[in-house]
Structures are given as structure tokens and as C-alpha cells.
Protein backbone atom coordinates (compact mmCIF):
# COMPACT_ATOMS: atom_id res chain seq x y z
CA MET A 1 -9.65 11.98 22.42
CA HIS A 2 -11.67 14.94 23.65
CA PRO A 3 -15.33 14.73 22.52
CA LYS A 4 -15.16 18.21 20.91
CA TYR A 5 -11.79 17.70 19.21
CA GLN A 6 -13.06 16.76 15.74
CA ARG A 7 -15.66 19.53 15.76
CA ALA A 8 -13.07 22.12 16.80
CA MET A 9 -10.55 20.93 14.20
CA SER A 10 -13.20 21.09 11.49
CA TRP A 11 -13.61 24.82 12.14
CA THR A 12 -9.92 25.76 12.21
CA GLU A 13 -9.42 26.01 8.44
CA GLN A 14 -12.54 28.16 8.02
CA VAL A 15 -11.46 30.48 10.84
CA ILE A 16 -7.94 30.74 9.44
CA GLY A 17 -9.37 31.52 5.99
CA ALA A 18 -11.59 34.22 7.47
CA ALA A 19 -8.64 35.72 9.37
CA ILE A 20 -6.53 35.76 6.20
CA GLU A 21 -9.33 37.60 4.40
CA VAL A 22 -9.51 40.22 7.18
CA HIS A 23 -5.74 40.64 7.10
CA ARG A 24 -5.75 40.88 3.29
CA LEU A 25 -8.29 43.71 3.41
CA LYS A 26 -7.09 45.56 6.51
CA GLY A 27 -3.36 44.76 6.64
CA PRO A 28 -1.16 44.75 9.75
CA GLY A 29 -0.85 47.53 12.30
CA LEU A 30 -4.39 48.09 13.56
CA LEU A 31 -5.64 47.59 17.10
CA GLU A 32 -6.86 44.17 18.22
CA PRO A 33 -10.54 45.22 18.72
CA ILE A 34 -10.72 46.27 15.06
CA TYR A 35 -9.53 42.86 13.91
CA GLU A 36 -11.93 41.18 16.30
CA LYS A 37 -14.96 43.02 14.90
CA CYS A 38 -13.85 42.42 11.32
CA LEU A 39 -13.22 38.72 12.00
CA LEU A 40 -16.63 38.31 13.62
CA ARG A 41 -18.24 39.91 10.57
CA GLU A 42 -16.28 37.63 8.24
CA LEU A 43 -17.24 34.55 10.29
CA THR A 44 -20.90 35.62 10.15
CA LEU A 45 -20.68 35.99 6.36
CA ARG A 46 -19.25 32.47 6.21
CA ASN A 47 -21.98 31.04 8.47
CA VAL A 48 -19.50 30.11 11.18
CA PRO A 49 -21.21 30.17 14.60
CA ALA A 50 -19.06 32.48 16.74
CA LYS A 51 -19.39 34.64 19.85
CA SER A 52 -17.03 37.30 21.12
CA GLN A 53 -15.90 38.41 24.56
CA VAL A 54 -17.29 35.32 26.30
CA THR A 55 -16.96 35.50 30.07
CA VAL A 56 -15.07 32.51 31.42
CA PRO A 57 -16.55 30.65 34.41
CA ILE A 58 -13.95 29.72 37.03
CA GLU A 59 -14.26 26.67 39.26
CA TYR A 60 -12.15 26.23 42.37
CA LYS A 61 -12.78 23.30 44.71
CA GLY A 62 -16.50 23.26 44.02
CA PHE A 63 -16.90 27.04 44.06
CA VAL A 64 -17.91 28.47 40.67
CA PHE A 65 -17.76 32.16 39.86
CA GLU A 66 -17.63 34.33 36.74
CA GLU A 67 -14.67 36.57 36.06
CA PRO A 68 -14.07 39.06 33.27
CA LEU A 69 -11.38 36.90 31.63
CA ARG A 70 -12.88 37.57 28.25
CA LEU A 71 -11.63 35.37 25.48
CA ASP A 72 -11.80 36.98 22.04
CA VAL A 73 -13.82 34.50 19.95
CA LEU A 74 -15.52 31.19 20.72
CA VAL A 75 -16.51 29.17 17.65
CA ASP A 76 -19.32 26.61 17.96
CA ASP A 77 -18.61 26.14 21.68
CA SER A 78 -15.57 24.08 20.69
CA LEU A 79 -12.74 26.31 19.39
CA ILE A 80 -11.16 29.29 21.14
CA VAL A 81 -9.62 31.99 18.95
CA GLU A 82 -7.35 34.47 20.70
CA LEU A 83 -6.39 37.52 18.65
CA LYS A 84 -3.29 39.64 19.04
CA SER A 85 -1.76 42.61 17.27
CA VAL A 86 1.71 42.59 18.79
CA GLU A 87 5.33 42.68 17.64
CA ALA A 88 5.85 39.05 18.67
CA ILE A 89 3.91 36.28 20.36
CA THR A 90 5.40 35.61 23.78
CA PRO A 91 5.03 32.65 26.15
CA ILE A 92 2.43 34.59 28.19
CA HIS A 93 0.16 34.80 25.11
CA VAL A 94 0.39 31.03 24.69
CA ALA A 95 -0.19 30.51 28.42
CA GLN A 96 -3.30 32.72 28.29
CA LEU A 97 -4.83 30.64 25.50
CA LEU A 98 -3.91 27.37 27.22
CA SER A 99 -5.53 28.65 30.43
CA TYR A 100 -8.75 29.49 28.59
CA MET A 101 -8.72 26.05 26.97
CA LYS A 102 -8.30 24.41 30.37
CA LEU A 103 -10.94 26.55 32.09
CA LEU A 104 -13.52 25.80 29.38
CA ASP A 105 -12.34 22.20 28.84
CA LEU A 106 -11.87 22.76 25.11
CA PRO A 107 -9.33 20.79 23.05
CA VAL A 108 -8.20 23.30 20.40
CA GLY A 109 -7.22 26.95 20.32
CA LEU A 110 -5.96 29.30 17.64
CA LEU A 111 -3.61 32.16 18.45
CA ILE A 112 -3.64 34.70 15.60
CA ASN A 113 -1.28 37.68 15.50
CA PHE A 114 -2.45 40.25 12.95
CA HIS A 115 0.78 42.26 13.27
CA GLU A 116 2.60 39.97 10.81
CA LEU A 117 3.21 40.98 7.20
CA ARG A 118 2.02 37.51 6.14
CA LEU A 119 -0.73 36.36 8.48
CA LYS A 120 0.15 32.69 8.12
CA ASP A 121 3.41 33.51 9.97
CA GLY A 122 1.32 34.67 12.95
CA ILE A 123 -0.97 31.66 13.38
CA ARG A 124 -0.47 28.98 16.03
CA ARG A 125 -2.80 26.06 16.64
CA LEU A 126 -2.69 24.65 20.16
CA THR A 127 -4.09 21.27 21.16
């Protein structure tokens, strides 16, 4: 088991609860950056340690460089939260989150699509 797995899993319910609160107050149909700012505020109010737009370091055969592959939210350096506001989640959205998880060696990711009428229909947990 990944050393950060339990820590990441312990945050998922709090993050999902915060996202549901944002969706309850703002509804579907807004742009992704609006949801991101609202979610970060809600996480702060809930004392969840989170950062946004974290630059992902890339390593290739011993060469490390930083690229502007900016993941949406990183919770407690253990859980990646990728936000969408799209008609439907596609395989490329899942692949993007899986790539971030691999690049940062993190065991859990949440993909949250705020475009759903019921937010719980737009949440995927990847491990």
C-alpha cells in the first residue's frame, strides 16, 4: 500500500462534502475557475490544507524540469482534486488525473464535474 494512501482517503469525504456545498450554493453551469475558487474557500473554512494550481515537476531519465501542467487542487500533499465543468467526463479527463497522480506519486485522485444536476453523479475517485 502506498504510504500516503490512508491520509489521502481520509480527506476524500471532506473534499466531496465541500464540493457538494459549493454545488448546492452555486449550481451547475459556471466556469471551472469559479468552482475552483469557491472550493478552495470552502476547504479553508473546513480547515482542509489545500493548494491550487500546483506546478507539476517532470522527471525523465534523471532530468527534472517544471512544466505548467497545473493540477487544480492538492490536498495535504496526498490527494489530487481535478475539477471540470463539462457536459460529460471523457477518457482524456481520467487520463489527465491519472498522469498527475503518476507524476506526483500520489495514490488517490478525485475527478469532480460541476456540470451535473446532482454533483454526486459527477464524482469519480481514482486509486
